[in-house]
Amino acid sequence: MVKILEMGYCCRRRSKMERSNASDNMVSHIVAAQQEGIRTIRSCNSCDFSSDPDVCICLVTWNMNGQVSYEDLAELVGSKRKFDLLVVGLQEAPQKSISRMLQATLAETHALLGKAIMQSVQLYVFGPKDSELDTKELKVDKQSVGGLGGLIGRKKGAVAIHINFRGIRMVFISCHLSAHAHNVEERNEQCRHISHSLFTKSKHWNPYAPPAQLTVWLGDLNYRLQGIDNQPARKLIRKDLHKMLIGKDQLLQEAERGEIFSGYCEGTLKFKPTYKYDVGSSDYDTSHKVRVPSWTDRILFKIEDANKVKAILRSYESVDGIESSDHKPVKAHLCLKLNPSQDQ
């Protein structure tokens, strides 16, 4: 079952009854929270705030398949940059200076605030020029997971950046999890391991520091479609009926079971599955493996306390015009507003 929230809002606010009975029903609330699943929310075209948002964020994830061009990066970030922060998570990035290419693309409007790199898994955060005073507490971390990817220069795992920007504490995580449809539990365990390990092993870690108010996972999570064969899936996609495949998505299924991403939100999967394409085209895999198309590339986010920070998802889409990889990039536009009546 997919939970739908209206108007692009994502929150974790409990009902009055839940709050009043919290002390008496602690165990039942823990169980309910574990099985909260991913909340699917509709994106909206504008920020429905009483005043301008405090931070607007453009989020991008892309498995590059070892290839890159300046033109692709320019198309990816776009020319109409109506955002404050640009967060770019990459997987299977080539051994080239992606950082310099992105900085050249964004030179007129944005500057690099921070980066985290673990071989082919990379993460970059850009902010408006002269925004140094808005940026505090920037920390980076990384966590590798099992597999042989590192031996061929394509690492599995995650890199992360913690940043306080304009008074909002945020964590961005770019990840690449294990492949293949049958490795569901392995991916689940990797999600849990990464979540519990990032920023907790450092000698500078402060267990009493306040939690992030926004956490974003973006990456090639590698969850596949399950319970449908290749040709029926492709037939639905050709007829523009790919929404009928959402119930087959492993990521949503595992979250519904309470295994991963409890309390996270994701936009509606209106775009076609982003993997696997023939490189140089928008045709699905015609190799001898003929993989079932899947939404492997995702952007998930969680607001820690909706009484303090309100979030609106303005868009969630794939970038179908880029054809240099066997994955399509995915983008989201998220706007945040602090509640001034609440202590931060």
C-alpha atoms as a PDB file:
ATOM      1  CA  MET A   1       0.000   0.000   0.000  1.00  0.00           C
ATOM      2  CA  VAL A   2       1.355   3.437  -0.957  1.00  0.00           C
ATOM      3  CA  LYS A   3       0.624   6.282   1.438  1.00  0.00           C
ATOM      4  CA  ILE A   4      -0.178   9.538  -0.394  1.00  0.00           C
ATOM      5  CA  LEU A   5       0.116  12.967   1.219  1.00  0.00           C
ATOM      6  CA  GLU A   6      -1.398  16.016  -0.487  1.00  0.00           C
ATOM      7  CA  MET A   7       0.311  19.227  -1.631  1.00  0.00           C
ATOM      8  CA  GLY A   8       3.888  18.049  -1.401  1.00  0.00           C
ATOM      9  CA  TYR A   9       4.096  18.244   2.396  1.00  0.00           C
ATOM     10  CA  CYS A  10       6.065  15.743   4.433  1.00  0.00           C
ATOM     11  CA  CYS A  11       5.831  15.632   8.202  1.00  0.00           C
ATOM     12  CA  ARG A  12       6.157  13.359  11.209  1.00  0.00           C
ATOM     13  CA  ARG A  13       3.782  15.208  13.537  1.00  0.00           C
ATOM     14  CA  ARG A  14       1.880  12.840  15.837  1.00  0.00           C
ATOM     15  CA  SER A  15      -1.817  13.183  16.622  1.00  0.00           C
ATOM     16  CA  LYS A  16      -2.999  14.621  19.947  1.00  0.00           C
ATOM     17  CA  MET A  17      -4.058  11.154  21.076  1.00  0.00           C
ATOM     18  CA  GLU A  18      -0.632   9.716  20.298  1.00  0.00           C
ATOM     19  CA  ARG A  19       1.084  12.510  22.226  1.00  0.00           C
ATOM     20  CA  SER A  20      -1.170  12.140  25.281  1.00  0.00           C
ATOM     21  CA  ASN A  21      -0.730   8.383  25.434  1.00  0.00           C
ATOM     22  CA  ALA A  22       2.983   8.347  24.635  1.00  0.00           C
ATOM     23  CA  SER A  23       4.151   7.308  28.083  1.00  0.00           C
ATOM     24  CA  ASP A  24       1.572   4.525  28.378  1.00  0.00           C
ATOM     25  CA  ASN A  25       2.052   3.069  24.929  1.00  0.00           C
ATOM     26  CA  MET A  26       5.784   3.390  24.327  1.00  0.00           C
ATOM     27  CA  VAL A  27       6.244  -0.136  23.000  1.00  0.00           C
ATOM     28  CA  SER A  28       3.307   0.012  20.613  1.00  0.00           C
ATOM     29  CA  HIS A  29       4.484   3.358  19.262  1.00  0.00           C
ATOM     30  CA  ILE A  30       7.965   1.968  18.601  1.00  0.00           C
ATOM     31  CA  VAL A  31       6.489  -0.928  16.646  1.00  0.00           C
ATOM     32  CA  ALA A  32       4.215   1.427  14.683  1.00  0.00           C
ATOM     33  CA  ALA A  33       7.130   3.714  13.862  1.00  0.00           C
ATOM     34  CA  GLN A  34       9.203   0.806  12.612  1.00  0.00           C
ATOM     35  CA  GLN A  35       6.454  -0.057  10.135  1.00  0.00           C
ATOM     36  CA  GLU A  36       5.674   3.487   9.075  1.00  0.00           C
ATOM     37  CA  GLY A  37       7.064   2.949   5.602  1.00  0.00           C
ATOM     38  CA  ILE A  38       7.862   5.568   2.978  1.00  0.00           C
ATOM     39  CA  ARG A  39       5.248   8.268   2.542  1.00  0.00           C
ATOM     40  CA  THR A  40       4.574   9.065  -1.094  1.00  0.00           C
ATOM     41  CA  ILE A  41       3.822  12.745  -1.608  1.00  0.00           C
ATOM     42  CA  ARG A  42       2.612  14.700  -4.611  1.00  0.00           C
ATOM     43  CA  SER A  43       4.858  17.479  -5.806  1.00  0.00           C
ATOM     44  CA  CYS A  44       3.494  20.975  -6.319  1.00  0.00           C
ATOM     45  CA  ASN A  45       4.659  23.784  -8.569  1.00  0.00           C
ATOM     46  CA  SER A  46       4.969  26.481  -5.914  1.00  0.00           C
ATOM     47  CA  CYS A  47       5.942  26.898  -2.269  1.00  0.00           C
ATOM     48  CA  ASP A  48       2.739  27.387  -0.301  1.00  0.00           C
ATOM     49  CA  PHE A  49       4.401  29.276   2.549  1.00  0.00           C
ATOM     50  CA  SER A  50       3.152  32.501   4.092  1.00  0.00           C
ATOM     51  CA  SER A  51       6.534  34.051   3.209  1.00  0.00           C
ATOM     52  CA  ASP A  52       9.547  33.094   1.125  1.00  0.00           C
ATOM     53  CA  PRO A  53      11.183  29.747   2.004  1.00  0.00           C
ATOM     54  CA  ASP A  54      14.391  29.876   4.015  1.00  0.00           C
ATOM     55  CA  VAL A  55      16.183  27.337   1.820  1.00  0.00           C
ATOM     56  CA  CYS A  56      15.355  25.854  -1.577  1.00  0.00           C
ATOM     57  CA  ILE A  57      17.394  22.792  -2.543  1.00  0.00           C
ATOM     58  CA  CYS A  58      17.915  21.148  -5.913  1.00  0.00           C
ATOM     59  CA  LEU A  59      18.810  17.485  -5.377  1.00  0.00           C
ATOM     60  CA  VAL A  60      20.390  15.377  -8.127  1.00  0.00           C
ATOM     61  CA  THR A  61      21.414  11.723  -8.220  1.00  0.00           C
ATOM     62  CA  TRP A  62      23.041   9.992 -11.176  1.00  0.00           C
ATOM     63  CA  ASN A  63      24.848   6.725 -11.809  1.00  0.00           C
ATOM     64  CA  MET A  64      27.235   7.897 -14.532  1.00  0.00           C
ATOM     65  CA  ASN A  65      28.441   4.459 -15.712  1.00  0.00           C
ATOM     66  CA  GLY A  66      31.987   5.824 -15.855  1.00  0.00           C
ATOM     67  CA  GLN A  67      31.191   8.475 -18.478  1.00  0.00           C
ATOM     68  CA  VAL A  68      30.813  12.260 -18.327  1.00  0.00           C
ATOM     69  CA  SER A  69      30.783  15.332 -20.529  1.00  0.00           C
ATOM     70  CA  TYR A  70      30.577  19.012 -19.725  1.00  0.00           C
ATOM     71  CA  GLU A  71      27.386  19.230 -21.804  1.00  0.00           C
ATOM     72  CA  ASP A  72      25.681  16.540 -19.714  1.00  0.00           C
ATOM     73  CA  LEU A  73      26.584  18.306 -16.467  1.00  0.00           C
ATOM     74  CA  ALA A  74      25.332  21.622 -17.845  1.00  0.00           C
ATOM     75  CA  GLU A  75      22.012  20.013 -18.749  1.00  0.00           C
ATOM     76  CA  LEU A  76      21.860  18.322 -15.372  1.00  0.00           C
ATOM     77  CA  VAL A  77      22.178  21.518 -13.296  1.00  0.00           C
ATOM     78  CA  GLY A  78      20.156  23.622 -15.737  1.00  0.00           C
ATOM     79  CA  SER A  79      20.307  27.336 -16.494  1.00  0.00           C
ATOM     80  CA  LYS A  80      17.256  28.496 -14.476  1.00  0.00           C
ATOM     81  CA  ARG A  81      18.745  28.057 -11.027  1.00  0.00           C
ATOM     82  CA  LYS A  82      15.915  28.949  -8.697  1.00  0.00           C
ATOM     83  CA  PHE A  83      17.535  27.224  -5.738  1.00  0.00           C
ATOM     84  CA  ASP A  84      19.899  28.093  -2.918  1.00  0.00           C
ATOM     85  CA  LEU A  85      21.675  24.765  -2.491  1.00  0.00           C
ATOM     86  CA  LEU A  86      22.561  22.325  -5.240  1.00  0.00           C
ATOM     87  CA  VAL A  87      23.313  18.812  -3.979  1.00  0.00           C
ATOM     88  CA  VAL A  88      24.766  16.390  -6.540  1.00  0.00           C
ATOM     89  CA  GLY A  89      25.196  12.722  -5.636  1.00  0.00           C
ATOM     90  CA  LEU A  90      27.076  10.558  -8.129  1.00  0.00           C
ATOM     91  CA  GLN A  91      27.732   6.849  -8.462  1.00  0.00           C
ATOM     92  CA  GLU A  92      30.150   5.121 -10.850  1.00  0.00           C
ATOM     93  CA  ALA A  93      31.693   8.530 -11.456  1.00  0.00           C
ATOM     94  CA  PRO A  94      34.708   8.448 -13.794  1.00  0.00           C
ATOM     95  CA  GLN A  95      38.230   9.210 -12.690  1.00  0.00           C
ATOM     96  CA  LYS A  96      38.061  12.785 -13.874  1.00  0.00           C
ATOM     97  CA  SER A  97      37.737  16.029 -11.946  1.00  0.00           C
ATOM     98  CA  ILE A  98      33.962  16.184 -11.707  1.00  0.00           C
ATOM     99  CA  SER A  99      34.402  18.881  -9.075  1.00  0.00           C
ATOM    100  CA  ARG A 100      36.167  21.234 -11.478  1.00  0.00           C
ATOM    101  CA  MET A 101      33.647  20.550 -14.243  1.00  0.00           C
ATOM    102  CA  LEU A 102      30.715  21.282 -11.949  1.00  0.00           C
ATOM    103  CA  GLN A 103      32.369  24.439 -10.649  1.00  0.00           C
ATOM    104  CA  ALA A 104      32.939  25.629 -14.207  1.00  0.00           C
ATOM    105  CA  THR A 105      29.294  24.937 -15.050  1.00  0.00           C
ATOM    106  CA  LEU A 106      28.038  26.830 -11.982  1.00  0.00           C
ATOM    107  CA  ALA A 107      30.675  29.583 -11.920  1.00  0.00           C
ATOM    108  CA  GLU A 108      28.237  32.451 -12.522  1.00  0.00           C
ATOM    109  CA  THR A 109      25.843  31.634  -9.688  1.00  0.00           C
ATOM    110  CA  HIS A 110      27.171  29.090  -7.181  1.00  0.00           C
ATOM    111  CA  ALA A 111      30.344  28.060  -5.368  1.00  0.00           C
ATOM    112  CA  LEU A 112      31.410  24.727  -3.910  1.00  0.00           C
ATOM    113  CA  LEU A 113      30.671  24.511  -0.170  1.00  0.00           C
ATOM    114  CA  GLY A 114      31.743  20.910   0.444  1.00  0.00           C
ATOM    115  CA  LYS A 115      32.469  17.562  -1.166  1.00  0.00           C
ATOM    116  CA  ALA A 116      32.802  13.933  -0.059  1.00  0.00           C
ATOM    117  CA  ILE A 117      34.468  11.350  -2.299  1.00  0.00           C
ATOM    118  CA  MET A 118      35.020   7.602  -1.980  1.00  0.00           C
ATOM    119  CA  GLN A 119      36.325   6.512  -5.364  1.00  0.00           C
ATOM    120  CA  SER A 120      33.298   6.442  -7.702  1.00  0.00           C
ATOM    121  CA  VAL A 121      30.750   7.420  -5.019  1.00  0.00           C
ATOM    122  CA  GLN A 122      30.738  11.194  -4.763  1.00  0.00           C
ATOM    123  CA  LEU A 123      28.769  14.070  -3.268  1.00  0.00           C
ATOM    124  CA  TYR A 124      28.951  17.809  -3.869  1.00  0.00           C
ATOM    125  CA  VAL A 125      27.101  20.676  -2.183  1.00  0.00           C
ATOM    126  CA  PHE A 126      27.032  24.085  -3.860  1.00  0.00           C
ATOM    127  CA  GLY A 127      25.651  27.305  -2.423  1.00  0.00           C
ATOM    128  CA  PRO A 128      25.133  30.852  -3.679  1.00  0.00           C
ATOM    129  CA  LYS A 129      28.261  32.899  -4.138  1.00  0.00           C
ATOM    130  CA  ASP A 130      29.309  34.775  -0.977  1.00  0.00           C
ATOM    131  CA  SER A 131      27.222  32.451   1.223  1.00  0.00           C
ATOM    132  CA  GLU A 132      30.072  31.531   3.569  1.00  0.00           C
ATOM    133  CA  LEU A 133      28.363  33.307   6.484  1.00  0.00           C
ATOM    134  CA  ASP A 134      25.280  31.118   5.963  1.00  0.00           C
ATOM    135  CA  THR A 135      27.337  27.933   6.258  1.00  0.00           C
ATOM    136  CA  LYS A 136      28.357  26.352   9.563  1.00  0.00           C
ATOM    137  CA  GLU A 137      29.299  22.957  10.984  1.00  0.00           C
ATOM    138  CA  LEU A 138      30.276  21.387   7.669  1.00  0.00           C
ATOM    139  CA  LYS A 139      31.484  17.810   8.191  1.00  0.00           C
ATOM    140  CA  VAL A 140      32.029  14.899   5.824  1.00  0.00           C
ATOM    141  CA  ASP A 141      32.090  11.137   6.306  1.00  0.00           C
ATOM    142  CA  LYS A 142      32.089   7.928   4.271  1.00  0.00           C
ATOM    143  CA  GLN A 143      31.191   4.297   4.808  1.00  0.00           C
ATOM    144  CA  SER A 144      32.048   1.424   2.471  1.00  0.00           C
ATOM    145  CA  VAL A 145      30.063  -1.809   2.282  1.00  0.00           C
ATOM    146  CA  GLY A 146      30.899  -5.288   1.012  1.00  0.00           C
ATOM    147  CA  GLY A 147      31.568  -6.347  -2.527  1.00  0.00           C
ATOM    148  CA  LEU A 148      34.387  -6.220  -5.054  1.00  0.00           C
ATOM    149  CA  GLY A 149      33.462  -2.860  -6.564  1.00  0.00           C
ATOM    150  CA  GLY A 150      36.471  -1.134  -5.014  1.00  0.00           C
ATOM    151  CA  LEU A 151      38.851  -3.469  -6.860  1.00  0.00           C
ATOM    152  CA  ILE A 152      37.736  -2.098 -10.207  1.00  0.00           C
ATOM    153  CA  GLY A 153      37.377   1.482  -9.044  1.00  0.00           C
ATOM    154  CA  ARG A 154      33.597   1.369  -8.545  1.00  0.00           C
ATOM    155  CA  LYS A 155      33.001   1.411  -4.834  1.00  0.00           C
ATOM    156  CA  LYS A 156      29.806   0.426  -3.010  1.00  0.00           C
ATOM    157  CA  GLY A 157      28.798   2.341   0.066  1.00  0.00           C
ATOM    158  CA  ALA A 158      27.980   5.942   0.923  1.00  0.00           C
ATOM    159  CA  VAL A 159      29.494   9.374   1.399  1.00  0.00           C
ATOM    160  CA  ALA A 160      27.813  12.097   3.430  1.00  0.00           C
ATOM    161  CA  ILE A 161      27.935  15.796   4.192  1.00  0.00           C
ATOM    162  CA  HIS A 162      26.522  17.381   7.351  1.00  0.00           C
ATOM    163  CA  ILE A 163      25.916  21.113   7.020  1.00  0.00           C
ATOM    164  CA  ASN A 164      24.155  23.856   8.945  1.00  0.00           C
ATOM    165  CA  PHE A 165      22.897  26.286   6.309  1.00  0.00           C
ATOM    166  CA  ARG A 166      20.862  29.329   7.345  1.00  0.00           C
ATOM    167  CA  GLY A 167      20.136  27.736  10.671  1.00  0.00           C
ATOM    168  CA  ILE A 168      18.865  24.400   9.329  1.00  0.00           C
ATOM    169  CA  ARG A 169      20.899  21.279  10.139  1.00  0.00           C
ATOM    170  CA  MET A 170      20.998  18.958   7.127  1.00  0.00           C
ATOM    171  CA  VAL A 171      22.625  15.648   6.206  1.00  0.00           C
ATOM    172  CA  PHE A 172      22.969  14.562   2.579  1.00  0.00           C
ATOM    173  CA  ILE A 173      23.941  10.971   1.744  1.00  0.00           C
ATOM    174  CA  SER A 174      24.992   9.730  -1.693  1.00  0.00           C
ATOM    175  CA  CYS A 175      24.981   5.934  -1.832  1.00  0.00           C
ATOM    176  CA  HIS A 176      25.488   2.992  -4.147  1.00  0.00           C
ATOM    177  CA  LEU A 177      24.110  -0.314  -2.862  1.00  0.00           C
ATOM    178  CA  SER A 178      24.515  -3.913  -4.038  1.00  0.00           C
ATOM    179  CA  ALA A 179      23.086  -4.862  -7.411  1.00  0.00           C
ATOM    180  CA  HIS A 180      20.868  -7.733  -8.634  1.00  0.00           C
ATOM    181  CA  ALA A 181      17.206  -8.329  -7.912  1.00  0.00           C
ATOM    182  CA  HIS A 182      17.731 -11.154  -5.411  1.00  0.00           C
ATOM    183  CA  ASN A 183      19.995  -9.158  -3.065  1.00  0.00           C
ATOM    184  CA  VAL A 184      17.135  -7.416  -1.268  1.00  0.00           C
ATOM    185  CA  GLU A 185      18.177  -8.273   2.273  1.00  0.00           C
ATOM    186  CA  GLU A 186      21.784  -7.357   1.504  1.00  0.00           C
ATOM    187  CA  ARG A 187      20.626  -3.901   0.427  1.00  0.00           C
ATOM    188  CA  ASN A 188      18.464  -3.606   3.531  1.00  0.00           C
ATOM    189  CA  GLU A 189      21.420  -4.428   5.754  1.00  0.00           C
ATOM    190  CA  GLN A 190      23.632  -1.961   3.914  1.00  0.00           C
ATOM    191  CA  CYS A 191      21.047   0.799   4.453  1.00  0.00           C
ATOM    192  CA  ARG A 192      20.931   0.048   8.170  1.00  0.00           C
ATOM    193  CA  HIS A 193      24.712  -0.171   8.470  1.00  0.00           C
ATOM    194  CA  ILE A 194      25.280   3.120   6.664  1.00  0.00           C
ATOM    195  CA  SER A 195      22.585   4.883   8.660  1.00  0.00           C
ATOM    196  CA  HIS A 196      24.008   3.722  11.997  1.00  0.00           C
ATOM    197  CA  SER A 197      27.667   4.306  11.090  1.00  0.00           C
ATOM    198  CA  LEU A 198      27.845   7.708   9.425  1.00  0.00           C
ATOM    199  CA  PHE A 199      29.130  10.466  11.728  1.00  0.00           C
ATOM    200  CA  THR A 200      29.169   8.132  14.759  1.00  0.00           C
ATOM    201  CA  LYS A 201      32.709   6.710  14.452  1.00  0.00           C
ATOM    202  CA  SER A 202      34.601   9.989  14.253  1.00  0.00           C
ATOM    203  CA  LYS A 203      36.660  11.133  17.231  1.00  0.00           C
ATOM    204  CA  HIS A 204      34.878  14.461  16.877  1.00  0.00           C
ATOM    205  CA  TRP A 205      31.425  12.885  17.170  1.00  0.00           C
ATOM    206  CA  ASN A 206      29.275  14.481  19.865  1.00  0.00           C
ATOM    207  CA  PRO A 207      26.484  12.136  21.013  1.00  0.00           C
ATOM    208  CA  TYR A 208      24.695  15.084  22.626  1.00  0.00           C
ATOM    209  CA  ALA A 209      24.581  17.220  19.486  1.00  0.00           C
ATOM    210  CA  PRO A 210      21.061  17.895  18.167  1.00  0.00           C
ATOM    211  CA  PRO A 211      19.992  15.637  15.272  1.00  0.00           C
ATOM    212  CA  ALA A 212      19.747  16.778  11.694  1.00  0.00           C
ATOM    213  CA  GLN A 213      16.459  18.478  10.906  1.00  0.00           C
ATOM    214  CA  LEU A 214      16.583  17.209   7.320  1.00  0.00           C
ATOM    215  CA  THR A 215      18.139  13.939   6.139  1.00  0.00           C
ATOM    216  CA  VAL A 216      18.311  13.132   2.423  1.00  0.00           C
ATOM    217  CA  TRP A 217      19.367   9.860   0.798  1.00  0.00           C
ATOM    218  CA  LEU A 218      20.075  10.080  -2.911  1.00  0.00           C
ATOM    219  CA  GLY A 219      21.672   7.430  -5.016  1.00  0.00           C
ATOM    220  CA  ASP A 220      21.575   4.174  -6.887  1.00  0.00           C
ATOM    221  CA  LEU A 221      19.838   2.155  -4.190  1.00  0.00           C
ATOM    222  CA  ASN A 222      19.527  -0.698  -6.705  1.00  0.00           C
ATOM    223  CA  TYR A 223      16.111  -1.939  -5.554  1.00  0.00           C
ATOM    224  CA  ARG A 224      14.324  -3.594  -8.471  1.00  0.00           C
ATOM    225  CA  LEU A 225      10.841  -4.584  -9.599  1.00  0.00           C
ATOM    226  CA  GLN A 226       9.733  -7.899  -8.147  1.00  0.00           C
ATOM    227  CA  GLY A 227       6.937 -10.231  -9.158  1.00  0.00           C
ATOM    228  CA  ILE A 228       6.647  -9.196 -12.803  1.00  0.00           C
ATOM    229  CA  ASP A 229       8.454 -10.441 -15.905  1.00  0.00           C
ATOM    230  CA  ASN A 230      10.364  -8.318 -18.361  1.00  0.00           C
ATOM    231  CA  GLN A 231       7.936  -8.127 -21.262  1.00  0.00           C
ATOM    232  CA  PRO A 232       4.790  -7.352 -19.200  1.00  0.00           C
ATOM    233  CA  ALA A 233       6.724  -4.583 -17.426  1.00  0.00           C
ATOM    234  CA  ARG A 234       7.957  -3.080 -20.693  1.00  0.00           C
ATOM    235  CA  LYS A 235       4.499  -3.278 -22.213  1.00  0.00           C
ATOM    236  CA  LEU A 236       3.053  -1.199 -19.379  1.00  0.00           C
ATOM    237  CA  ILE A 237       5.858   1.346 -19.766  1.00  0.00           C
ATOM    238  CA  ARG A 238       5.276   1.638 -23.526  1.00  0.00           C
ATOM    239  CA  LYS A 239       1.596   2.346 -22.844  1.00  0.00           C
ATOM    240  CA  ASP A 240       2.568   5.036 -20.299  1.00  0.00           C
ATOM    241  CA  LEU A 241       1.079   2.872 -17.525  1.00  0.00           C
ATOM    242  CA  HIS A 242       4.264   2.557 -15.456  1.00  0.00           C
ATOM    243  CA  LYS A 243       2.365   3.740 -12.362  1.00  0.00           C
ATOM    244  CA  MET A 244       0.906   0.210 -12.309  1.00  0.00           C
ATOM    245  CA  LEU A 245       4.418  -1.065 -11.554  1.00  0.00           C
ATOM    246  CA  ILE A 246       4.832   0.904  -8.331  1.00  0.00           C
ATOM    247  CA  GLY A 247       3.331  -1.910  -6.251  1.00  0.00           C
ATOM    248  CA  LYS A 248       6.130  -4.178  -7.522  1.00  0.00           C
ATOM    249  CA  ASP A 249       8.923  -1.868  -6.314  1.00  0.00           C
ATOM    250  CA  GLN A 250      11.199  -3.592  -3.793  1.00  0.00           C
ATOM    251  CA  LEU A 251      12.148  -0.373  -2.005  1.00  0.00           C
ATOM    252  CA  LEU A 252       8.559   0.521  -1.170  1.00  0.00           C
ATOM    253  CA  GLN A 253       7.813  -3.091  -0.258  1.00  0.00           C
ATOM    254  CA  GLU A 254      10.725  -3.327   2.178  1.00  0.00           C
ATOM    255  CA  ALA A 255       9.898   0.031   3.737  1.00  0.00           C
ATOM    256  CA  GLU A 256       6.298  -1.069   4.197  1.00  0.00           C
ATOM    257  CA  ARG A 257       7.577  -4.147   6.030  1.00  0.00           C
ATOM    258  CA  GLY A 258       9.443  -1.855   8.419  1.00  0.00           C
ATOM    259  CA  GLU A 259      12.888  -2.960   7.236  1.00  0.00           C
ATOM    260  CA  ILE A 260      14.229   0.404   6.004  1.00  0.00           C
ATOM    261  CA  PHE A 261      13.538   4.153   5.718  1.00  0.00           C
ATOM    262  CA  SER A 262      10.805   4.434   8.311  1.00  0.00           C
ATOM    263  CA  GLY A 263       9.363   7.953   8.320  1.00  0.00           C
ATOM    264  CA  TYR A 264      10.985   8.996   5.041  1.00  0.00           C
ATOM    265  CA  CYS A 265       9.156  10.675   2.175  1.00  0.00           C
ATOM    266  CA  GLU A 266       9.443  10.367  -1.582  1.00  0.00           C
ATOM    267  CA  GLY A 267       7.728  12.070  -4.466  1.00  0.00           C
ATOM    268  CA  THR A 268       5.317  10.165  -6.678  1.00  0.00           C
ATOM    269  CA  LEU A 269       7.076   7.960  -9.233  1.00  0.00           C
ATOM    270  CA  LYS A 270       5.540   9.642 -12.254  1.00  0.00           C
ATOM    271  CA  PHE A 271       8.655   9.147 -14.372  1.00  0.00           C
ATOM    272  CA  LYS A 272       9.591   5.906 -16.112  1.00  0.00           C
ATOM    273  CA  PRO A 273      12.010   3.446 -14.488  1.00  0.00           C
ATOM    274  CA  THR A 274      15.520   4.872 -14.731  1.00  0.00           C
ATOM    275  CA  TYR A 275      17.484   1.635 -15.350  1.00  0.00           C
ATOM    276  CA  LYS A 276      18.683  -0.110 -17.480  1.00  0.00           C
ATOM    277  CA  TYR A 277      19.079   1.719 -20.810  1.00  0.00           C
ATOM    278  CA  ASP A 278      21.264   1.061 -23.809  1.00  0.00           C
ATOM    279  CA  VAL A 279      24.054   3.633 -23.598  1.00  0.00           C
ATOM    280  CA  GLY A 280      23.539   6.422 -26.126  1.00  0.00           C
ATOM    281  CA  SER A 281      19.789   5.943 -26.364  1.00  0.00           C
ATOM    282  CA  SER A 282      16.529   5.953 -24.463  1.00  0.00           C
ATOM    283  CA  ASP A 283      15.863   2.301 -25.268  1.00  0.00           C
ATOM    284  CA  TYR A 284      15.725  -0.219 -22.463  1.00  0.00           C
ATOM    285  CA  ASP A 285      18.396  -2.919 -22.247  1.00  0.00           C
ATOM    286  CA  THR A 286      18.735  -5.029 -25.401  1.00  0.00           C
ATOM    287  CA  SER A 287      21.798  -6.965 -24.222  1.00  0.00           C
ATOM    288  CA  HIS A 288      21.668 -10.700 -23.619  1.00  0.00           C
ATOM    289  CA  LYS A 289      20.737 -10.005 -19.976  1.00  0.00           C
ATOM    290  CA  VAL A 290      17.617  -7.999 -20.967  1.00  0.00           C
ATOM    291  CA  ARG A 291      17.105  -6.599 -17.466  1.00  0.00           C
ATOM    292  CA  VAL A 292      13.666  -5.723 -16.154  1.00  0.00           C
ATOM    293  CA  PRO A 293      13.395  -1.899 -16.024  1.00  0.00           C
ATOM    294  CA  SER A 294      13.487  -0.603 -12.435  1.00  0.00           C
ATOM    295  CA  TRP A 295      13.486   2.575 -10.374  1.00  0.00           C
ATOM    296  CA  THR A 296      16.986   2.015  -9.013  1.00  0.00           C
ATOM    297  CA  ASP A 297      17.760   5.744  -8.669  1.00  0.00           C
ATOM    298  CA  ARG A 298      15.898   7.499  -5.876  1.00  0.00           C
ATOM    299  CA  ILE A 299      15.737  10.566  -3.643  1.00  0.00           C
ATOM    300  CA  LEU A 300      14.270  10.114  -0.151  1.00  0.00           C
ATOM    301  CA  PHE A 301      14.031  12.692   2.610  1.00  0.00           C
ATOM    302  CA  LYS A 302      12.957  12.928   6.233  1.00  0.00           C
ATOM    303  CA  ILE A 303      12.013  15.923   8.378  1.00  0.00           C
ATOM    304  CA  GLU A 304      12.907  15.277  12.012  1.00  0.00           C
ATOM    305  CA  ASP A 305      10.278  17.590  13.549  1.00  0.00           C
ATOM    306  CA  ALA A 306       7.592  19.239  11.421  1.00  0.00           C
ATOM    307  CA  ASN A 307       6.848  21.646  14.267  1.00  0.00           C
ATOM    308  CA  LYS A 308      10.250  23.225  13.624  1.00  0.00           C
ATOM    309  CA  VAL A 309      10.838  22.764   9.884  1.00  0.00           C
ATOM    310  CA  LYS A 310       8.226  22.548   7.155  1.00  0.00           C
ATOM    311  CA  ALA A 311       9.095  20.980   3.800  1.00  0.00           C
ATOM    312  CA  ILE A 312       7.415  21.197   0.411  1.00  0.00           C
ATOM    313  CA  LEU A 313       8.424  19.041  -2.548  1.00  0.00           C
ATOM    314  CA  ARG A 314       8.123  21.118  -5.704  1.00  0.00           C
ATOM    315  CA  SER A 315       9.227  18.505  -8.238  1.00  0.00           C
ATOM    316  CA  TYR A 316      10.503  14.933  -8.637  1.00  0.00           C
ATOM    317  CA  GLU A 317      11.547  13.843 -12.110  1.00  0.00           C
ATOM    318  CA  SER A 318      14.040  12.046 -14.299  1.00  0.00           C
ATOM    319  CA  VAL A 319      16.272  13.761 -16.868  1.00  0.00           C
ATOM    320  CA  ASP A 320      15.532  11.655 -19.929  1.00  0.00           C
ATOM    321  CA  GLY A 321      17.541  13.740 -22.399  1.00  0.00           C
ATOM    322  CA  ILE A 322      20.882  12.565 -20.980  1.00  0.00           C
ATOM    323  CA  GLU A 323      21.886   9.316 -22.708  1.00  0.00           C
ATOM    324  CA  SER A 324      25.577   8.800 -21.882  1.00  0.00           C
ATOM    325  CA  SER A 325      24.837   6.293 -19.088  1.00  0.00           C
ATOM    326  CA  ASP A 326      22.691   3.205 -18.674  1.00  0.00           C
ATOM    327  CA  HIS A 327      20.896   5.145 -15.901  1.00  0.00           C
ATOM    328  CA  LYS A 328      18.813   8.311 -16.180  1.00  0.00           C
ATOM    329  CA  PRO A 329      19.548  11.053 -13.634  1.00  0.00           C
ATOM    330  CA  VAL A 330      16.844  11.929 -11.110  1.00  0.00           C
ATOM    331  CA  LYS A 331      16.168  15.417  -9.725  1.00  0.00           C
ATOM    332  CA  ALA A 332      14.048  16.827  -6.920  1.00  0.00           C
ATOM    333  CA  HIS A 333      13.344  20.380  -5.761  1.00  0.00           C
ATOM    334  CA  LEU A 334      12.698  20.740  -2.027  1.00  0.00           C
ATOM    335  CA  CYS A 335      11.883  23.946  -0.141  1.00  0.00           C
ATOM    336  CA  LEU A 336      12.237  24.365   3.630  1.00  0.00           C
ATOM    337  CA  LYS A 337      10.786  26.882   6.063  1.00  0.00           C
ATOM    338  CA  LEU A 338      11.766  27.331   9.706  1.00  0.00           C
ATOM    339  CA  ASN A 339       9.000  27.857  12.237  1.00  0.00           C
ATOM    340  CA  PRO A 340      10.174  30.965  14.154  1.00  0.00           C
ATOM    341  CA  SER A 341       7.944  30.154  17.113  1.00  0.00           C
ATOM    342  CA  GLN A 342       9.948  27.005  17.866  1.00  0.00           C
ATOM    343  CA  ASP A 343      13.358  26.937  19.497  1.00  0.00           C
ATOM    344  CA  GLN A 344      16.025  25.529  17.218  1.00  0.00           C
END
